[in-house]
Amino acid sequence: MGTGWHEGLGWRHMFFGSFMMLLFWGGLIILIFVAVRWIGAGSPRGNGEPAPGNRALDILDERYARGEIENEEYEERRRLLSK
């Protein structure tokens, strides 16, 4: 016959169950976080890089501002990149 709480599984099993619950919820939260980051990677702002066309226009603007290219060449290239 048992005398109550002191028999049965004991505190070690209670600790193990709590630890496993924390591992489960922690793993689930990490899994959701990784899934959201992975899904968001396909968006234009997903990886922090500007879209390729925008970067080309930025470089063209910088070259024009430094005086490396003339106005006619700038306008022609800008027109081609904007298509």
PDB file of N, CA and C in Angstrom:
ATOM      1  N   MET A   1       0.829  -1.180   0.000  1.00  0.00           N
ATOM      2  CA  MET A   1       0.000   0.000   0.000  1.00  0.00           C
ATOM      3  C   MET A   1       0.872   1.241   0.000  1.00  0.00           C
ATOM      4  N   GLY A   2       0.434   2.210  -0.746  1.00  0.00           N
ATOM      5  CA  GLY A   2       1.184   3.459  -0.823  1.00  0.00           C
ATOM      6  C   GLY A   2       0.817   4.395   0.304  1.00  0.00           C
ATOM      7  N   THR A   3       1.747   5.251   0.634  1.00  0.00           N
ATOM      8  CA  THR A   3       1.503   6.213   1.709  1.00  0.00           C
ATOM      9  C   THR A   3       1.234   7.613   1.177  1.00  0.00           C
ATOM     10  N   GLY A   4       1.084   7.755  -0.093  1.00  0.00           N
ATOM     11  CA  GLY A   4       0.761   9.076  -0.627  1.00  0.00           C
ATOM     12  C   GLY A   4       1.746   9.542  -1.684  1.00  0.00           C
ATOM     13  N   TRP A   5       2.106  10.799  -1.590  1.00  0.00           N
ATOM     14  CA  TRP A   5       2.920  11.445  -2.623  1.00  0.00           C
ATOM     15  C   TRP A   5       4.346  10.914  -2.706  1.00  0.00           C
ATOM     16  N   HIS A   6       4.867  10.363  -1.675  1.00  0.00           N
ATOM     17  CA  HIS A   6       6.263   9.952  -1.665  1.00  0.00           C
ATOM     18  C   HIS A   6       6.518   8.665  -2.425  1.00  0.00           C
ATOM     19  N   GLU A   7       5.498   7.997  -2.821  1.00  0.00           N
ATOM     20  CA  GLU A   7       5.674   6.808  -3.635  1.00  0.00           C
ATOM     21  C   GLU A   7       5.192   7.108  -5.038  1.00  0.00           C
ATOM     22  N   GLY A   8       5.573   6.323  -5.952  1.00  0.00           N
ATOM     23  CA  GLY A   8       5.187   6.583  -7.335  1.00  0.00           C
ATOM     24  C   GLY A   8       6.389   7.081  -8.126  1.00  0.00           C
ATOM     25  N   LEU A   9       6.183   8.059  -8.964  1.00  0.00           N
ATOM     26  CA  LEU A   9       7.233   8.493  -9.878  1.00  0.00           C
ATOM     27  C   LEU A   9       8.303   9.352  -9.219  1.00  0.00           C
ATOM     28  N   GLY A  10       7.962  10.211  -8.318  1.00  0.00           N
ATOM     29  CA  GLY A  10       8.959  11.014  -7.627  1.00  0.00           C
ATOM     30  C   GLY A  10       9.318  12.293  -8.371  1.00  0.00           C
ATOM     31  N   TRP A  11      10.204  13.082  -7.764  1.00  0.00           N
ATOM     32  CA  TRP A  11      10.536  14.399  -8.302  1.00  0.00           C
ATOM     33  C   TRP A  11      11.393  14.319  -9.558  1.00  0.00           C
ATOM     34  N   ARG A  12      12.153  13.261  -9.727  1.00  0.00           N
ATOM     35  CA  ARG A  12      13.006  13.151 -10.913  1.00  0.00           C
ATOM     36  C   ARG A  12      12.167  13.081 -12.189  1.00  0.00           C
ATOM     37  N   HIS A  13      11.088  12.355 -12.129  1.00  0.00           N
ATOM     38  CA  HIS A  13      10.229  12.246 -13.304  1.00  0.00           C
ATOM     39  C   HIS A  13       9.490  13.551 -13.559  1.00  0.00           C
ATOM     40  N   MET A  14       9.132  14.254 -12.490  1.00  0.00           N
ATOM     41  CA  MET A  14       8.475  15.540 -12.653  1.00  0.00           C
ATOM     42  C   MET A  14       9.448  16.528 -13.317  1.00  0.00           C
ATOM     43  N   PHE A  15      10.711  16.526 -12.895  1.00  0.00           N
ATOM     44  CA  PHE A  15      11.721  17.392 -13.494  1.00  0.00           C
ATOM     45  C   PHE A  15      11.923  17.033 -14.962  1.00  0.00           C
ATOM     46  N   PHE A  16      12.018  15.752 -15.259  1.00  0.00           N
ATOM     47  CA  PHE A  16      12.215  15.300 -16.633  1.00  0.00           C
ATOM     48  C   PHE A  16      11.048  15.721 -17.521  1.00  0.00           C
ATOM     49  N   GLY A  17       9.826  15.595 -17.019  1.00  0.00           N
ATOM     50  CA  GLY A  17       8.647  16.002 -17.784  1.00  0.00           C
ATOM     51  C   GLY A  17       8.635  17.495 -18.052  1.00  0.00           C
ATOM     52  N   SER A  18       8.992  18.290 -17.051  1.00  0.00           N
ATOM     53  CA  SER A  18       9.053  19.744 -17.238  1.00  0.00           C
ATOM     54  C   SER A  18      10.132  20.109 -18.244  1.00  0.00           C
ATOM     55  N   PHE A  19      11.272  19.460 -18.144  1.00  0.00           N
ATOM     56  CA  PHE A  19      12.373  19.709 -19.077  1.00  0.00           C
ATOM     57  C   PHE A  19      11.971  19.356 -20.506  1.00  0.00           C
ATOM     58  N   MET A  20      11.310  18.238 -20.683  1.00  0.00           N
ATOM     59  CA  MET A  20      10.868  17.828 -22.019  1.00  0.00           C
ATOM     60  C   MET A  20       9.822  18.796 -22.573  1.00  0.00           C
ATOM     61  N   MET A  21       8.956  19.320 -21.717  1.00  0.00           N
ATOM     62  CA  MET A  21       7.963  20.288 -22.160  1.00  0.00           C
ATOM     63  C   MET A  21       8.658  21.567 -22.636  1.00  0.00           C
ATOM     64  N   LEU A  22       9.664  22.025 -21.895  1.00  0.00           N
ATOM     65  CA  LEU A  22      10.426  23.205 -22.310  1.00  0.00           C
ATOM     66  C   LEU A  22      11.140  22.962 -23.638  1.00  0.00           C
ATOM     67  N   LEU A  23      11.719  21.789 -23.803  1.00  0.00           N
ATOM     68  CA  LEU A  23      12.368  21.455 -25.075  1.00  0.00           C
ATOM     69  C   LEU A  23      11.373  21.463 -26.231  1.00  0.00           C
ATOM     70  N   PHE A  24      10.204  20.906 -26.002  1.00  0.00           N
ATOM     71  CA  PHE A  24       9.181  20.858 -27.047  1.00  0.00           C
ATOM     72  C   PHE A  24       8.768  22.260 -27.464  1.00  0.00           C
ATOM     73  N   TRP A  25       8.396  23.107 -26.482  1.00  0.00           N
ATOM     74  CA  TRP A  25       7.924  24.454 -26.815  1.00  0.00           C
ATOM     75  C   TRP A  25       9.047  25.313 -27.384  1.00  0.00           C
ATOM     76  N   GLY A  26      10.244  25.170 -26.848  1.00  0.00           N
ATOM     77  CA  GLY A  26      11.386  25.907 -27.398  1.00  0.00           C
ATOM     78  C   GLY A  26      11.671  25.501 -28.830  1.00  0.00           C
ATOM     79  N   GLY A  27      11.635  24.198 -29.093  1.00  0.00           N
ATOM     80  CA  GLY A  27      11.844  23.715 -30.460  1.00  0.00           C
ATOM     81  C   GLY A  27      10.760  24.185 -31.406  1.00  0.00           C
ATOM     82  N   LEU A  28       9.524  24.203 -30.939  1.00  0.00           N
ATOM     83  CA  LEU A  28       8.416  24.665 -31.773  1.00  0.00           C
ATOM     84  C   LEU A  28       8.563  26.150 -32.104  1.00  0.00           C
ATOM     85  N   ILE A  29       8.952  26.944 -31.124  1.00  0.00           N
ATOM     86  CA  ILE A  29       9.147  28.383 -31.359  1.00  0.00           C
ATOM     87  C   ILE A  29      10.285  28.612 -32.349  1.00  0.00           C
ATOM     88  N   ILE A  30      11.378  27.886 -32.192  1.00  0.00           N
ATOM     89  CA  ILE A  30      12.500  28.015 -33.128  1.00  0.00           C
ATOM     90  C   ILE A  30      12.079  27.581 -34.521  1.00  0.00           C
ATOM     91  N   LEU A  31      11.326  26.508 -34.625  1.00  0.00           N
ATOM     92  CA  LEU A  31      10.850  26.031 -35.921  1.00  0.00           C
ATOM     93  C   LEU A  31       9.968  27.074 -36.605  1.00  0.00           C
ATOM     94  N   ILE A  32       9.070  27.690 -35.871  1.00  0.00           N
ATOM     95  CA  ILE A  32       8.207  28.734 -36.437  1.00  0.00           C
ATOM     96  C   ILE A  32       9.048  29.925 -36.881  1.00  0.00           C
ATOM     97  N   PHE A  33      10.018  30.329 -36.067  1.00  0.00           N
ATOM     98  CA  PHE A  33      10.892  31.453 -36.410  1.00  0.00           C
ATOM     99  C   PHE A  33      11.659  31.178 -37.704  1.00  0.00           C
ATOM    100  N   VAL A  34      12.240  29.993 -37.818  1.00  0.00           N
ATOM    101  CA  VAL A  34      12.999  29.634 -39.016  1.00  0.00           C
ATOM    102  C   VAL A  34      12.081  29.571 -40.235  1.00  0.00           C
ATOM    103  N   ALA A  35      10.886  29.037 -40.075  1.00  0.00           N
ATOM    104  CA  ALA A  35       9.944  28.950 -41.197  1.00  0.00           C
ATOM    105  C   ALA A  35       9.541  30.338 -41.680  1.00  0.00           C
ATOM    106  N   VAL A  36       9.292  31.254 -40.757  1.00  0.00           N
ATOM    107  CA  VAL A  36       8.915  32.617 -41.145  1.00  0.00           C
ATOM    108  C   VAL A  36      10.077  33.296 -41.866  1.00  0.00           C
ATOM    109  N   ARG A  37      11.298  33.121 -41.384  1.00  0.00           N
ATOM    110  CA  ARG A  37      12.464  33.713 -42.047  1.00  0.00           C
ATOM    111  C   ARG A  37      12.658  33.112 -43.434  1.00  0.00           C
ATOM    112  N   TRP A  38      12.437  31.798 -43.566  1.00  0.00           N
ATOM    113  CA  TRP A  38      12.626  31.138 -44.854  1.00  0.00           C
ATOM    114  C   TRP A  38      11.577  31.603 -45.855  1.00  0.00           C
ATOM    115  N   ILE A  39      10.335  31.721 -45.419  1.00  0.00           N
ATOM    116  CA  ILE A  39       9.264  32.185 -46.299  1.00  0.00           C
ATOM    117  C   ILE A  39       9.507  33.635 -46.685  1.00  0.00           C
ATOM    118  N   GLY A  40       9.961  34.445 -45.752  1.00  0.00           N
ATOM    119  CA  GLY A  40      10.219  35.854 -46.023  1.00  0.00           C
ATOM    120  C   GLY A  40      11.424  36.096 -46.907  1.00  0.00           C
ATOM    121  N   ALA A  41      12.286  35.093 -47.094  1.00  0.00           N
ATOM    122  CA  ALA A  41      13.485  35.271 -47.916  1.00  0.00           C
ATOM    123  C   ALA A  41      13.145  35.492 -49.376  1.00  0.00           C
ATOM    124  N   GLY A  42      11.969  35.095 -49.823  1.00  0.00           N
ATOM    125  CA  GLY A  42      11.583  35.284 -51.214  1.00  0.00           C
ATOM    126  C   GLY A  42      11.077  36.679 -51.515  1.00  0.00           C
ATOM    127  N   SER A  43      10.825  37.468 -50.487  1.00  0.00           N
ATOM    128  CA  SER A  43      10.327  38.820 -50.709  1.00  0.00           C
ATOM    129  C   SER A  43      11.475  39.736 -51.109  1.00  0.00           C
ATOM    130  N   PRO A  44      11.179  40.869 -51.729  1.00  0.00           N
ATOM    131  CA  PRO A  44      12.245  41.777 -52.151  1.00  0.00           C
ATOM    132  C   PRO A  44      13.131  42.254 -50.999  1.00  0.00           C
ATOM    133  N   ARG A  45      12.586  42.378 -49.810  1.00  0.00           N
ATOM    134  CA  ARG A  45      13.378  42.826 -48.671  1.00  0.00           C
ATOM    135  C   ARG A  45      13.845  41.655 -47.822  1.00  0.00           C
ATOM    136  N   GLY A  46      13.647  40.433 -48.268  1.00  0.00           N
ATOM    137  CA  GLY A  46      13.931  39.264 -47.452  1.00  0.00           C
ATOM    138  C   GLY A  46      15.370  39.131 -47.000  1.00  0.00           C
ATOM    139  N   ASN A  47      16.337  39.362 -47.886  1.00  0.00           N
ATOM    140  CA  ASN A  47      17.725  39.166 -47.511  1.00  0.00           C
ATOM    141  C   ASN A  47      18.476  40.472 -47.324  1.00  0.00           C
ATOM    142  N   GLY A  48      17.791  41.592 -47.370  1.00  0.00           N
ATOM    143  CA  GLY A  48      18.430  42.868 -47.138  1.00  0.00           C
ATOM    144  C   GLY A  48      19.107  43.472 -48.355  1.00  0.00           C
ATOM    145  N   GLU A  49      19.148  42.747 -49.437  1.00  0.00           N
ATOM    146  CA  GLU A  49      19.773  43.246 -50.655  1.00  0.00           C
ATOM    147  C   GLU A  49      18.742  43.991 -51.494  1.00  0.00           C
ATOM    148  N   PRO A  50      19.138  45.100 -52.109  1.00  0.00           N
ATOM    149  CA  PRO A  50      18.202  45.787 -53.003  1.00  0.00           C
ATOM    150  C   PRO A  50      17.981  44.973 -54.270  1.00  0.00           C
ATOM    151  N   ALA A  51      16.891  45.238 -54.929  1.00  0.00           N
ATOM    152  CA  ALA A  51      16.613  44.552 -56.188  1.00  0.00           C
ATOM    153  C   ALA A  51      17.712  44.903 -57.191  1.00  0.00           C
ATOM    154  N   PRO A  52      18.097  43.968 -58.077  1.00  0.00           N
ATOM    155  CA  PRO A  52      19.207  44.211 -59.000  1.00  0.00           C
ATOM    156  C   PRO A  52      19.040  45.467 -59.853  1.00  0.00           C
ATOM    157  N   GLY A  53      17.845  45.712 -60.352  1.00  0.00           N
ATOM    158  CA  GLY A  53      17.630  46.891 -61.181  1.00  0.00           C
ATOM    159  C   GLY A  53      17.838  48.175 -60.409  1.00  0.00           C
ATOM    160  N   ASN A  54      17.425  48.212 -59.179  1.00  0.00           N
ATOM    161  CA  ASN A  54      17.597  49.403 -58.353  1.00  0.00           C
ATOM    162  C   ASN A  54      19.068  49.676 -58.089  1.00  0.00           C
ATOM    163  N   ARG A  55      19.851  48.646 -57.864  1.00  0.00           N
ATOM    164  CA  ARG A  55      21.287  48.815 -57.601  1.00  0.00           C
ATOM    165  C   ARG A  55      21.982  49.367 -58.836  1.00  0.00           C
ATOM    166  N   ALA A  56      21.595  48.908 -60.010  1.00  0.00           N
ATOM    167  CA  ALA A  56      22.204  49.408 -61.241  1.00  0.00           C
ATOM    168  C   ALA A  56      21.909  50.894 -61.420  1.00  0.00           C
ATOM    169  N   LEU A  57      20.688  51.299 -61.128  1.00  0.00           N
ATOM    170  CA  LEU A  57      20.341  52.719 -61.229  1.00  0.00           C
ATOM    171  C   LEU A  57      21.106  53.539 -60.196  1.00  0.00           C
ATOM    172  N   ASP A  58      21.305  52.989 -59.012  1.00  0.00           N
ATOM    173  CA  ASP A  58      22.079  53.689 -57.984  1.00  0.00           C
ATOM    174  C   ASP A  58      23.520  53.905 -58.437  1.00  0.00           C
ATOM    175  N   ILE A  59      24.113  52.887 -59.025  1.00  0.00           N
ATOM    176  CA  ILE A  59      25.487  53.001 -59.521  1.00  0.00           C
ATOM    177  C   ILE A  59      25.557  54.029 -60.641  1.00  0.00           C
ATOM    178  N   LEU A  60      24.574  53.992 -61.536  1.00  0.00           N
ATOM    179  CA  LEU A  60      24.532  54.964 -62.630  1.00  0.00           C
ATOM    180  C   LEU A  60      24.423  56.386 -62.080  1.00  0.00           C
ATOM    181  N   ASP A  61      23.557  56.580 -61.099  1.00  0.00           N
ATOM    182  CA  ASP A  61      23.412  57.905 -60.486  1.00  0.00           C
ATOM    183  C   ASP A  61      24.721  58.366 -59.843  1.00  0.00           C
ATOM    184  N   GLU A  62      25.417  57.451 -59.176  1.00  0.00           N
ATOM    185  CA  GLU A  62      26.692  57.796 -58.543  1.00  0.00           C
ATOM    186  C   GLU A  62      27.735  58.181 -59.587  1.00  0.00           C
ATOM    187  N   ARG A  63      27.807  57.432 -60.667  1.00  0.00           N
ATOM    188  CA  ARG A  63      28.774  57.741 -61.730  1.00  0.00           C
ATOM    189  C   ARG A  63      28.475  59.095 -62.364  1.00  0.00           C
ATOM    190  N   TYR A  64      27.206  59.395 -62.551  1.00  0.00           N
ATOM    191  CA  TYR A  64      26.815  60.685 -63.128  1.00  0.00           C
ATOM    192  C   TYR A  64      27.157  61.820 -62.160  1.00  0.00           C
ATOM    193  N   ALA A  65      26.915  61.590 -60.876  1.00  0.00           N
ATOM    194  CA  ALA A  65      27.210  62.618 -59.875  1.00  0.00           C
ATOM    195  C   ALA A  65      28.710  62.891 -59.768  1.00  0.00           C
ATOM    196  N   ARG A  66      29.538  61.863 -59.975  1.00  0.00           N
ATOM    197  CA  ARG A  66      30.987  62.050 -59.922  1.00  0.00           C
ATOM    198  C   ARG A  66      31.541  62.638 -61.214  1.00  0.00           C
ATOM    199  N   GLY A  67      30.700  62.726 -62.236  1.00  0.00           N
ATOM    200  CA  GLY A  67      31.140  63.284 -63.513  1.00  0.00           C
ATOM    201  C   GLY A  67      31.843  62.287 -64.414  1.00  0.00           C
ATOM    202  N   GLU A  68      31.676  61.004 -64.158  1.00  0.00           N
ATOM    203  CA  GLU A  68      32.328  59.979 -64.966  1.00  0.00           C
ATOM    204  C   GLU A  68      31.650  59.801 -66.320  1.00  0.00           C
ATOM    205  N   ILE A  69      30.373  60.126 -66.413  1.00  0.00           N
ATOM    206  CA  ILE A  69      29.647  59.994 -67.678  1.00  0.00           C
ATOM    207  C   ILE A  69      28.932  61.305 -67.986  1.00  0.00           C
ATOM    208  N   GLU A  70      28.717  61.529 -69.284  1.00  0.00           N
ATOM    209  CA  GLU A  70      28.040  62.744 -69.740  1.00  0.00           C
ATOM    210  C   GLU A  70      26.527  62.580 -69.628  1.00  0.00           C
ATOM    211  N   ASN A  71      25.826  63.677 -69.793  1.00  0.00           N
ATOM    212  CA  ASN A  71      24.374  63.699 -69.658  1.00  0.00           C
ATOM    213  C   ASN A  71      23.698  62.776 -70.672  1.00  0.00           C
ATOM    214  N   GLU A  72      24.165  62.791 -71.924  1.00  0.00           N
ATOM    215  CA  GLU A  72      23.541  61.962 -72.963  1.00  0.00           C
ATOM    216  C   GLU A  72      23.673  60.473 -72.629  1.00  0.00           C
ATOM    217  N   GLU A  73      24.892  60.076 -72.211  1.00  0.00           N
ATOM    218  CA  GLU A  73      25.111  58.671 -71.862  1.00  0.00           C
ATOM    219  C   GLU A  73      24.274  58.286 -70.636  1.00  0.00           C
ATOM    220  N   TYR A  74      24.187  59.205 -69.680  1.00  0.00           N
ATOM    221  CA  TYR A  74      23.387  58.961 -68.476  1.00  0.00           C
ATOM    222  C   TYR A  74      21.919  58.737 -68.833  1.00  0.00           C
ATOM    223  N   GLU A  75      21.366  59.624 -69.652  1.00  0.00           N
ATOM    224  CA  GLU A  75      19.952  59.513 -70.034  1.00  0.00           C
ATOM    225  C   GLU A  75      19.685  58.221 -70.798  1.00  0.00           C
ATOM    226  N   GLU A  76      20.591  57.858 -71.716  1.00  0.00           N
ATOM    227  CA  GLU A  76      20.410  56.633 -72.511  1.00  0.00           C
ATOM    228  C   GLU A  76      20.437  55.389 -71.614  1.00  0.00           C
ATOM    229  N   ARG A  77      21.421  55.310 -70.744  1.00  0.00           N
ATOM    230  CA  ARG A  77      21.525  54.138 -69.860  1.00  0.00           C
ATOM    231  C   ARG A  77      20.362  54.078 -68.869  1.00  0.00           C
ATOM    232  N   ARG A  78      19.948  55.231 -68.386  1.00  0.00           N
ATOM    233  CA  ARG A  78      18.811  55.267 -67.455  1.00  0.00           C
ATOM    234  C   ARG A  78      17.548  54.772 -68.156  1.00  0.00           C
ATOM    235  N   ARG A  79      17.376  55.175 -69.406  1.00  0.00           N
ATOM    236  CA  ARG A  79      16.211  54.731 -70.173  1.00  0.00           C
ATOM    237  C   ARG A  79      16.253  53.212 -70.361  1.00  0.00           C
ATOM    238  N   LEU A  80      17.428  52.675 -70.684  1.00  0.00           N
ATOM    239  CA  LEU A  80      17.557  51.225 -70.889  1.00  0.00           C
ATOM    240  C   LEU A  80      17.332  50.443 -69.583  1.00  0.00           C
ATOM    241  N   LEU A  81      17.835  50.965 -68.487  1.00  0.00           N
ATOM    242  CA  LEU A  81      17.676  50.259 -67.205  1.00  0.00           C
ATOM    243  C   LEU A  81      16.252  50.345 -66.662  1.00  0.00           C
ATOM    244  N   SER A  82      15.521  51.362 -67.071  1.00  0.00           N
ATOM    245  CA  SER A  82      14.161  51.556 -66.554  1.00  0.00           C
ATOM    246  C   SER A  82      13.126  50.707 -67.277  1.00  0.00           C
ATOM    247  N   LYS A  83      13.525  50.051 -68.339  1.00  0.00           N
ATOM    248  CA  LYS A  83      12.568  49.222 -69.103  1.00  0.00           C
ATOM    249  C   LYS A  83      12.118  48.043 -68.296  1.00  0.00           C
TER     250      LYS A  83
END
